[in-house]
PDB file of N, CA and C in Angstrom:
ATOM      1  N   MET A   1     -23.968  28.552 -42.925  1.00  0.00           N
ATOM      2  CA  MET A   1     -24.766  29.556 -42.248  1.00  0.00           C
ATOM      3  C   MET A   1     -26.208  29.520 -42.735  1.00  0.00           C
ATOM      4  N   THR A   2     -26.406  29.359 -44.044  1.00  0.00           N
ATOM      5  CA  THR A   2     -27.778  29.336 -44.558  1.00  0.00           C
ATOM      6  C   THR A   2     -28.502  28.072 -44.103  1.00  0.00           C
ATOM      7  N   ARG A   3     -27.768  26.968 -43.917  1.00  0.00           N
ATOM      8  CA  ARG A   3     -28.407  25.761 -43.385  1.00  0.00           C
ATOM      9  C   ARG A   3     -28.949  26.011 -41.982  1.00  0.00           C
ATOM     10  N   PHE A   4     -28.157  26.674 -41.191  1.00  0.00           N
ATOM     11  CA  PHE A   4     -28.572  26.978 -39.826  1.00  0.00           C
ATOM     12  C   PHE A   4     -29.832  27.841 -39.831  1.00  0.00           C
ATOM     13  N   ILE A   5     -29.885  28.813 -40.708  1.00  0.00           N
ATOM     14  CA  ILE A   5     -31.046  29.697 -40.794  1.00  0.00           C
ATOM     15  C   ILE A   5     -32.272  28.908 -41.263  1.00  0.00           C
ATOM     16  N   CYS A   6     -32.086  27.942 -42.153  1.00  0.00           N
ATOM     17  CA  CYS A   6     -33.199  27.122 -42.625  1.00  0.00           C
ATOM     18  C   CYS A   6     -33.730  26.198 -41.527  1.00  0.00           C
ATOM     19  N   LEU A   7     -32.864  25.819 -40.589  1.00  0.00           N
ATOM     20  CA  LEU A   7     -33.277  24.932 -39.515  1.00  0.00           C
ATOM     21  C   LEU A   7     -33.990  25.661 -38.373  1.00  0.00           C
ATOM     22  N   LEU A   8     -33.853  26.962 -38.291  1.00  0.00           N
ATOM     23  CA  LEU A   8     -34.460  27.707 -37.197  1.00  0.00           C
ATOM     24  C   LEU A   8     -35.980  27.522 -37.114  1.00  0.00           C
ATOM     25  N   PRO A   9     -36.739  27.616 -38.223  1.00  0.00           N
ATOM     26  CA  PRO A   9     -38.190  27.406 -38.107  1.00  0.00           C
ATOM     27  C   PRO A   9     -38.534  25.998 -37.601  1.00  0.00           C
ATOM     28  N   ALA A  10     -37.791  24.990 -38.027  1.00  0.00           N
ATOM     29  CA  ALA A  10     -38.057  23.633 -37.573  1.00  0.00           C
ATOM     30  C   ALA A  10     -37.766  23.497 -36.082  1.00  0.00           C
ATOM     31  N   LEU A  11     -36.682  24.084 -35.624  1.00  0.00           N
ATOM     32  CA  LEU A  11     -36.346  24.032 -34.204  1.00  0.00           C
ATOM     33  C   LEU A  11     -37.371  24.780 -33.364  1.00  0.00           C
ATOM     34  N   ALA A  12     -37.857  25.895 -33.860  1.00  0.00           N
ATOM     35  CA  ALA A  12     -38.876  26.657 -33.133  1.00  0.00           C
ATOM     36  C   ALA A  12     -40.167  25.860 -33.036  1.00  0.00           C
ATOM     37  N   THR A  13     -40.506  25.149 -34.103  1.00  0.00           N
ATOM     38  CA  THR A  13     -41.716  24.325 -34.094  1.00  0.00           C
ATOM     39  C   THR A  13     -41.585  23.192 -33.086  1.00  0.00           C
ATOM     40  N   LEU A  14     -40.443  22.536 -33.060  1.00  0.00           N
ATOM     41  CA  LEU A  14     -40.221  21.455 -32.104  1.00  0.00           C
ATOM     42  C   LEU A  14     -40.255  21.961 -30.665  1.00  0.00           C
ATOM     43  N   ALA A  15     -39.713  23.112 -30.435  1.00  0.00           N
ATOM     44  CA  ALA A  15     -39.709  23.670 -29.078  1.00  0.00           C
ATOM     45  C   ALA A  15     -41.130  23.960 -28.615  1.00  0.00           C
ATOM     46  N   ALA A  16     -41.999  24.361 -29.534  1.00  0.00           N
ATOM     47  CA  ALA A  16     -43.390  24.653 -29.186  1.00  0.00           C
ATOM     48  C   ALA A  16     -44.178  23.388 -28.873  1.00  0.00           C
ATOM     49  N   CYS A  17     -43.698  22.226 -29.314  1.00  0.00           N
ATOM     50  CA  CYS A  17     -44.414  20.970 -29.111  1.00  0.00           C
ATOM     51  C   CYS A  17     -44.095  20.302 -27.783  1.00  0.00           C
ATOM     52  N   GLN A  18     -43.215  20.868 -26.990  1.00  0.00           N
ATOM     53  CA  GLN A  18     -42.877  20.253 -25.719  1.00  0.00           C
ATOM     54  C   GLN A  18     -44.086  20.251 -24.801  1.00  0.00           C
ATOM     55  N   VAL A  19     -44.303  19.117 -24.174  1.00  0.00           N
ATOM     56  CA  VAL A  19     -45.427  18.966 -23.259  1.00  0.00           C
ATOM     57  C   VAL A  19     -44.906  19.101 -21.836  1.00  0.00           C
ATOM     58  N   GLU A  20     -45.569  19.928 -21.066  1.00  0.00           N
ATOM     59  CA  GLU A  20     -45.164  20.097 -19.683  1.00  0.00           C
ATOM     60  C   GLU A  20     -45.741  18.949 -18.867  1.00  0.00           C
ATOM     61  N   THR A  21     -44.895  18.275 -18.124  1.00  0.00           N
ATOM     62  CA  THR A  21     -45.325  17.155 -17.303  1.00  0.00           C
ATOM     63  C   THR A  21     -45.979  17.697 -16.035  1.00  0.00           C
ATOM     64  N   PRO A  22     -47.224  17.273 -15.760  1.00  0.00           N
ATOM     65  CA  PRO A  22     -47.866  17.769 -14.538  1.00  0.00           C
ATOM     66  C   PRO A  22     -47.191  17.198 -13.299  1.00  0.00           C
ATOM     67  N   ALA A  23     -47.191  17.974 -12.248  1.00  0.00           N
ATOM     68  CA  ALA A  23     -46.590  17.525 -10.998  1.00  0.00           C
ATOM     69  C   ALA A  23     -47.440  16.390 -10.424  1.00  0.00           C
ATOM     70  N   THR A  24     -46.778  15.353  -9.971  1.00  0.00           N
ATOM     71  CA  THR A  24     -47.520  14.233  -9.399  1.00  0.00           C
ATOM     72  C   THR A  24     -47.834  14.546  -7.940  1.00  0.00           C
ATOM     73  N   GLU A  25     -49.038  14.177  -7.537  1.00  0.00           N
ATOM     74  CA  GLU A  25     -49.437  14.404  -6.159  1.00  0.00           C
ATOM     75  C   GLU A  25     -48.839  13.318  -5.282  1.00  0.00           C
ATOM     76  N   PRO A  26     -48.474  13.668  -4.074  1.00  0.00           N
ATOM     77  CA  PRO A  26     -47.942  12.634  -3.189  1.00  0.00           C
ATOM     78  C   PRO A  26     -49.041  11.628  -2.862  1.00  0.00           C
ATOM     79  N   PRO A  27     -48.683  10.379  -2.664  1.00  0.00           N
ATOM     80  CA  PRO A  27     -49.702   9.377  -2.359  1.00  0.00           C
ATOM     81  C   PRO A  27     -50.394   9.694  -1.035  1.00  0.00           C
ATOM     82  N   GLU A  28     -51.657   9.302  -0.946  1.00  0.00           N
ATOM     83  CA  GLU A  28     -52.393   9.523   0.289  1.00  0.00           C
ATOM     84  C   GLU A  28     -51.839   8.612   1.377  1.00  0.00           C
ATOM     85  N   ALA A  29     -51.903   9.095   2.581  1.00  0.00           N
ATOM     86  CA  ALA A  29     -51.406   8.299   3.699  1.00  0.00           C
ATOM     87  C   ALA A  29     -52.319   7.100   3.928  1.00  0.00           C
ATOM     88  N   CYS A  30     -51.757   6.052   4.437  1.00  0.00           N
ATOM     89  CA  CYS A  30     -52.513   4.837   4.752  1.00  0.00           C
ATOM     90  C   CYS A  30     -53.461   5.122   5.924  1.00  0.00           C
ATOM     91  N   PRO A  31     -54.751   4.810   5.763  1.00  0.00           N
ATOM     92  CA  PRO A  31     -55.722   5.132   6.814  1.00  0.00           C
ATOM     93  C   PRO A  31     -55.958   4.003   7.825  1.00  0.00           C
ATOM     94  N   ALA A  32     -54.983   3.135   8.032  1.00  0.00           N
ATOM     95  CA  ALA A  32     -55.179   1.981   8.919  1.00  0.00           C
ATOM     96  C   ALA A  32     -55.641   2.394  10.315  1.00  0.00           C
ATOM     97  N   ALA A  33     -55.162   3.502  10.818  1.00  0.00           N
ATOM     98  CA  ALA A  33     -55.551   3.956  12.161  1.00  0.00           C
ATOM     99  C   ALA A  33     -57.057   4.207  12.244  1.00  0.00           C
ATOM    100  N   ASP A  34     -57.656   4.622  11.146  1.00  0.00           N
ATOM    101  CA  ASP A  34     -59.096   4.903  11.133  1.00  0.00           C
ATOM    102  C   ASP A  34     -59.942   3.634  11.115  1.00  0.00           C
ATOM    103  N   PHE A  35     -59.342   2.487  10.830  1.00  0.00           N
ATOM    104  CA  PHE A  35     -60.078   1.234  10.699  1.00  0.00           C
ATOM    105  C   PHE A  35     -59.841   0.263  11.855  1.00  0.00           C
ATOM    106  N   GLN A  36     -59.142   0.695  12.888  1.00  0.00           N
ATOM    107  CA  GLN A  36     -58.819  -0.202  14.004  1.00  0.00           C
ATOM    108  C   GLN A  36     -60.059  -0.716  14.734  1.00  0.00           C
ATOM    109  N   SER A  37     -61.164  -0.020  14.631  1.00  0.00           N
ATOM    110  CA  SER A  37     -62.392  -0.468  15.302  1.00  0.00           C
ATOM    111  C   SER A  37     -62.956  -1.742  14.672  1.00  0.00           C
ATOM    112  N   PHE A  38     -62.462  -2.120  13.499  1.00  0.00           N
ATOM    113  CA  PHE A  38     -62.936  -3.326  12.827  1.00  0.00           C
ATOM    114  C   PHE A  38     -62.188  -4.585  13.273  1.00  0.00           C
ATOM    115  N   VAL A  39     -61.119  -4.424  14.028  1.00  0.00           N
ATOM    116  CA  VAL A  39     -60.400  -5.599  14.547  1.00  0.00           C
ATOM    117  C   VAL A  39     -61.339  -6.329  15.507  1.00  0.00           C
ATOM    118  N   GLY A  40     -61.485  -7.632  15.288  1.00  0.00           N
ATOM    119  CA  GLY A  40     -62.392  -8.442  16.093  1.00  0.00           C
ATOM    120  C   GLY A  40     -63.765  -8.618  15.456  1.00  0.00           C
ATOM    121  N   GLN A  41     -64.004  -7.916  14.361  1.00  0.00           N
ATOM    122  CA  GLN A  41     -65.273  -8.029  13.651  1.00  0.00           C
ATOM    123  C   GLN A  41     -65.089  -8.855  12.381  1.00  0.00           C
ATOM    124  N   PRO A  42     -66.184  -9.355  11.798  1.00  0.00           N
ATOM    125  CA  PRO A  42     -66.064 -10.087  10.539  1.00  0.00           C
ATOM    126  C   PRO A  42     -65.582  -9.175   9.410  1.00  0.00           C
ATOM    127  N   VAL A  43     -64.861  -9.755   8.471  1.00  0.00           N
ATOM    128  CA  VAL A  43     -64.386  -8.984   7.310  1.00  0.00           C
ATOM    129  C   VAL A  43     -65.569  -8.344   6.590  1.00  0.00           C
ATOM    130  N   SER A  44     -66.716  -9.018   6.593  1.00  0.00           N
ATOM    131  CA  SER A  44     -67.896  -8.499   5.907  1.00  0.00           C
ATOM    132  C   SER A  44     -68.416  -7.199   6.522  1.00  0.00           C
ATOM    133  N   ALA A  45     -67.968  -6.856   7.730  1.00  0.00           N
ATOM    134  CA  ALA A  45     -68.394  -5.609   8.364  1.00  0.00           C
ATOM    135  C   ALA A  45     -67.755  -4.394   7.698  1.00  0.00           C
ATOM    136  N   LEU A  46     -66.671  -4.607   6.981  1.00  0.00           N
ATOM    137  CA  LEU A  46     -66.002  -3.496   6.281  1.00  0.00           C
ATOM    138  C   LEU A  46     -66.805  -3.119   5.044  1.00  0.00           C
ATOM    139  N   ASP A  47     -67.121  -1.839   4.932  1.00  0.00           N
ATOM    140  CA  ASP A  47     -67.847  -1.336   3.767  1.00  0.00           C
ATOM    141  C   ASP A  47     -66.867  -1.246   2.601  1.00  0.00           C
ATOM    142  N   PRO A  48     -67.118  -1.970   1.510  1.00  0.00           N
ATOM    143  CA  PRO A  48     -66.192  -1.941   0.368  1.00  0.00           C
ATOM    144  C   PRO A  48     -65.972  -0.538  -0.206  1.00  0.00           C
ATOM    145  N   ASP A  49     -66.963   0.333  -0.065  1.00  0.00           N
ATOM    146  CA  ASP A  49     -66.817   1.698  -0.574  1.00  0.00           C
ATOM    147  C   ASP A  49     -65.971   2.572   0.352  1.00  0.00           C
ATOM    148  N   ALA A  50     -65.848   2.187   1.607  1.00  0.00           N
ATOM    149  CA  ALA A  50     -65.084   2.977   2.569  1.00  0.00           C
ATOM    150  C   ALA A  50     -63.611   2.573   2.613  1.00  0.00           C
ATOM    151  N   VAL A  51     -63.324   1.359   2.195  1.00  0.00           N
ATOM    152  CA  VAL A  51     -61.945   0.870   2.207  1.00  0.00           C
ATOM    153  C   VAL A  51     -61.174   1.569   1.086  1.00  0.00           C
ATOM    154  N   PRO A  52     -59.945   2.000   1.356  1.00  0.00           N
ATOM    155  CA  PRO A  52     -59.182   2.688   0.309  1.00  0.00           C
ATOM    156  C   PRO A  52     -58.911   1.769  -0.881  1.00  0.00           C
ATOM    157  N   PRO A  53     -58.754   2.347  -2.066  1.00  0.00           N
ATOM    158  CA  PRO A  53     -58.510   1.522  -3.252  1.00  0.00           C
ATOM    159  C   PRO A  53     -57.244   0.665  -3.142  1.00  0.00           C
ATOM    160  N   LEU A  54     -56.238   1.174  -2.476  1.00  0.00           N
ATOM    161  CA  LEU A  54     -54.988   0.432  -2.345  1.00  0.00           C
ATOM    162  C   LEU A  54     -55.009  -0.324  -1.020  1.00  0.00           C
ATOM    163  N   HIS A  55     -55.556  -1.535  -1.051  1.00  0.00           N
ATOM    164  CA  HIS A  55     -55.629  -2.372   0.139  1.00  0.00           C
ATOM    165  C   HIS A  55     -55.552  -3.834  -0.290  1.00  0.00           C
ATOM    166  N   ARG A  56     -55.333  -4.695   0.663  1.00  0.00           N
ATOM    167  CA  ARG A  56     -55.412  -6.126   0.390  1.00  0.00           C
ATOM    168  C   ARG A  56     -55.915  -6.834   1.640  1.00  0.00           C
ATOM    169  N   VAL A  57     -56.693  -7.867   1.412  1.00  0.00           N
ATOM    170  CA  VAL A  57     -57.250  -8.687   2.479  1.00  0.00           C
ATOM    171  C   VAL A  57     -56.430  -9.970   2.518  1.00  0.00           C
ATOM    172  N   ILE A  58     -55.878 -10.266   3.676  1.00  0.00           N
ATOM    173  CA  ILE A  58     -54.931 -11.370   3.812  1.00  0.00           C
ATOM    174  C   ILE A  58     -55.485 -12.411   4.777  1.00  0.00           C
ATOM    175  N   GLY A  59     -55.736 -13.592   4.260  1.00  0.00           N
ATOM    176  CA  GLY A  59     -56.200 -14.703   5.085  1.00  0.00           C
ATOM    177  C   GLY A  59     -55.035 -15.526   5.582  1.00  0.00           C
ATOM    178  N   PRO A  60     -55.312 -16.545   6.409  1.00  0.00           N
ATOM    179  CA  PRO A  60     -54.231 -17.347   6.987  1.00  0.00           C
ATOM    180  C   PRO A  60     -53.398 -18.109   5.952  1.00  0.00           C
ATOM    181  N   ASP A  61     -53.976 -18.456   4.824  1.00  0.00           N
ATOM    182  CA  ASP A  61     -53.232 -19.192   3.792  1.00  0.00           C
ATOM    183  C   ASP A  61     -53.012 -18.374   2.531  1.00  0.00           C
ATOM    184  N   THR A  62     -53.124 -17.063   2.641  1.00  0.00           N
ATOM    185  CA  THR A  62     -52.978 -16.194   1.481  1.00  0.00           C
ATOM    186  C   THR A  62     -51.499 -15.900   1.228  1.00  0.00           C
ATOM    187  N   ALA A  63     -51.074 -16.107  -0.002  1.00  0.00           N
ATOM    188  CA  ALA A  63     -49.707 -15.752  -0.383  1.00  0.00           C
ATOM    189  C   ALA A  63     -49.677 -14.268  -0.719  1.00  0.00           C
ATOM    190  N   VAL A  64     -48.743 -13.547  -0.151  1.00  0.00           N
ATOM    191  CA  VAL A  64     -48.604 -12.116  -0.419  1.00  0.00           C
ATOM    192  C   VAL A  64     -47.147 -11.787  -0.693  1.00  0.00           C
ATOM    193  N   THR A  65     -46.943 -10.704  -1.407  1.00  0.00           N
ATOM    194  CA  THR A  65     -45.585 -10.238  -1.645  1.00  0.00           C
ATOM    195  C   THR A  65     -45.071  -9.566  -0.378  1.00  0.00           C
ATOM    196  N   MET A  66     -43.782  -9.505  -0.246  1.00  0.00           N
ATOM    197  CA  MET A  66     -43.176  -8.906   0.943  1.00  0.00           C
ATOM    198  C   MET A  66     -42.759  -7.451   0.715  1.00  0.00           C
ATOM    199  N   ASP A  67     -43.180  -6.888  -0.420  1.00  0.00           N
ATOM    200  CA  ASP A  67     -42.817  -5.495  -0.682  1.00  0.00           C
ATOM    201  C   ASP A  67     -43.579  -4.579   0.257  1.00  0.00           C
ATOM    202  N   TYR A  68     -42.948  -3.482   0.641  1.00  0.00           N
ATOM    203  CA  TYR A  68     -43.563  -2.512   1.532  1.00  0.00           C
ATOM    204  C   TYR A  68     -44.079  -1.360   0.698  1.00  0.00           C
ATOM    205  N   VAL A  69     -45.396  -1.146   0.743  1.00  0.00           N
ATOM    206  CA  VAL A  69     -46.017  -0.025   0.044  1.00  0.00           C
ATOM    207  C   VAL A  69     -46.636   0.852   1.124  1.00  0.00           C
ATOM    208  N   GLU A  70     -46.026   1.988   1.352  1.00  0.00           N
ATOM    209  CA  GLU A  70     -46.376   2.858   2.472  1.00  0.00           C
ATOM    210  C   GLU A  70     -47.859   3.214   2.537  1.00  0.00           C
ATOM    211  N   GLU A  71     -48.478   3.454   1.395  1.00  0.00           N
ATOM    212  CA  GLU A  71     -49.873   3.894   1.389  1.00  0.00           C
ATOM    213  C   GLU A  71     -50.893   2.752   1.311  1.00  0.00           C
ATOM    214  N   ARG A  72     -50.432   1.498   1.260  1.00  0.00           N
ATOM    215  CA  ARG A  72     -51.339   0.351   1.175  1.00  0.00           C
ATOM    216  C   ARG A  72     -51.798  -0.088   2.571  1.00  0.00           C
ATOM    217  N   MET A  73     -53.087  -0.371   2.692  1.00  0.00           N
ATOM    218  CA  MET A  73     -53.636  -0.876   3.941  1.00  0.00           C
ATOM    219  C   MET A  73     -53.838  -2.380   3.824  1.00  0.00           C
ATOM    220  N   ASN A  74     -53.348  -3.117   4.804  1.00  0.00           N
ATOM    221  CA  ASN A  74     -53.479  -4.571   4.849  1.00  0.00           C
ATOM    222  C   ASN A  74     -54.493  -4.942   5.920  1.00  0.00           C
ATOM    223  N   ILE A  75     -55.394  -5.835   5.565  1.00  0.00           N
ATOM    224  CA  ILE A  75     -56.409  -6.311   6.492  1.00  0.00           C
ATOM    225  C   ILE A  75     -56.199  -7.821   6.640  1.00  0.00           C
ATOM    226  N   GLU A  76     -55.757  -8.252   7.817  1.00  0.00           N
ATOM    227  CA  GLU A  76     -55.544  -9.678   8.060  1.00  0.00           C
ATOM    228  C   GLU A  76     -56.748 -10.251   8.796  1.00  0.00           C
ATOM    229  N   HIS A  77     -57.100 -11.506   8.441  1.00  0.00           N
ATOM    230  CA  HIS A  77     -58.184 -12.184   9.147  1.00  0.00           C
ATOM    231  C   HIS A  77     -57.797 -13.629   9.428  1.00  0.00           C
ATOM    232  N   ASP A  78     -58.510 -14.231  10.353  1.00  0.00           N
ATOM    233  CA  ASP A  78     -58.237 -15.620  10.705  1.00  0.00           C
ATOM    234  C   ASP A  78     -59.078 -16.561   9.843  1.00  0.00           C
ATOM    235  N   ALA A  79     -59.062 -17.842  10.178  1.00  0.00           N
ATOM    236  CA  ALA A  79     -59.770 -18.848   9.389  1.00  0.00           C
ATOM    237  C   ALA A  79     -61.286 -18.663   9.420  1.00  0.00           C
ATOM    238  N   THR A  80     -61.784 -17.991  10.444  1.00  0.00           N
ATOM    239  CA  THR A  80     -63.228 -17.741  10.530  1.00  0.00           C
ATOM    240  C   THR A  80     -63.604 -16.380   9.940  1.00  0.00           C
ATOM    241  N   ARG A  81     -62.665 -15.745   9.259  1.00  0.00           N
ATOM    242  CA  ARG A  81     -62.837 -14.447   8.590  1.00  0.00           C
ATOM    243  C   ARG A  81     -63.114 -13.302   9.571  1.00  0.00           C
ATOM    244  N   ILE A  82     -62.535 -13.407  10.763  1.00  0.00           N
ATOM    245  CA  ILE A  82     -62.583 -12.328  11.752  1.00  0.00           C
ATOM    246  C   ILE A  82     -61.294 -11.515  11.598  1.00  0.00           C
ATOM    247  N   VAL A  83     -61.427 -10.209  11.501  1.00  0.00           N
ATOM    248  CA  VAL A  83     -60.262  -9.322  11.327  1.00  0.00           C
ATOM    249  C   VAL A  83     -59.388  -9.420  12.556  1.00  0.00           C
ATOM    250  N   THR A  84     -58.118  -9.732  12.353  1.00  0.00           N
ATOM    251  CA  THR A  84     -57.173  -9.854  13.469  1.00  0.00           C
ATOM    252  C   THR A  84     -56.161  -8.714  13.512  1.00  0.00           C
ATOM    253  N   ARG A  85     -55.962  -8.048  12.376  1.00  0.00           N
ATOM    254  CA  ARG A  85     -54.953  -6.981  12.329  1.00  0.00           C
ATOM    255  C   ARG A  85     -55.202  -6.103  11.114  1.00  0.00           C
ATOM    256  N   ILE A  86     -55.046  -4.796  11.279  1.00  0.00           N
ATOM    257  CA  ILE A  86     -55.114  -3.836  10.179  1.00  0.00           C
ATOM    258  C   ILE A  86     -53.885  -2.950  10.305  1.00  0.00           C
ATOM    259  N   TYR A  87     -53.094  -2.895   9.246  1.00  0.00           N
ATOM    260  CA  TYR A  87     -51.839  -2.149   9.298  1.00  0.00           C
ATOM    261  C   TYR A  87     -51.444  -1.649   7.906  1.00  0.00           C
ATOM    262  N   CYS A  88     -50.475  -0.768   7.876  1.00  0.00           N
ATOM    263  CA  CYS A  88     -49.990  -0.210   6.608  1.00  0.00           C
ATOM    264  C   CYS A  88     -48.806  -1.024   6.110  1.00  0.00           C
ATOM    265  N   GLY A  89     -48.611  -0.969   4.837  1.00  0.00           N
ATOM    266  CA  GLY A  89     -47.463  -1.649   4.248  1.00  0.00           C
ATOM    267  C   GLY A  89     -47.877  -2.464   3.121  1.00  0.00           C
TER     268      GLY A  89
END
């Protein structure tokens, strides 16, 4: 019984050290619909500051993973660097 009483301050101290995990925000939706006006234009027409951080530019010989990332925007272009498709995934 006295051991248990001696452990109470240590247990109280440990309980006070618990860190609350902040709630994670849901990922932003892929904005591909907002960029459809760039299809048919050169890749250089896209403003690097306007493109979302989670994106990739895919050329005709570019190797890409086949994983689907809902919030990632993909920008495909042809051999002349003209945007042919913008989509999510």
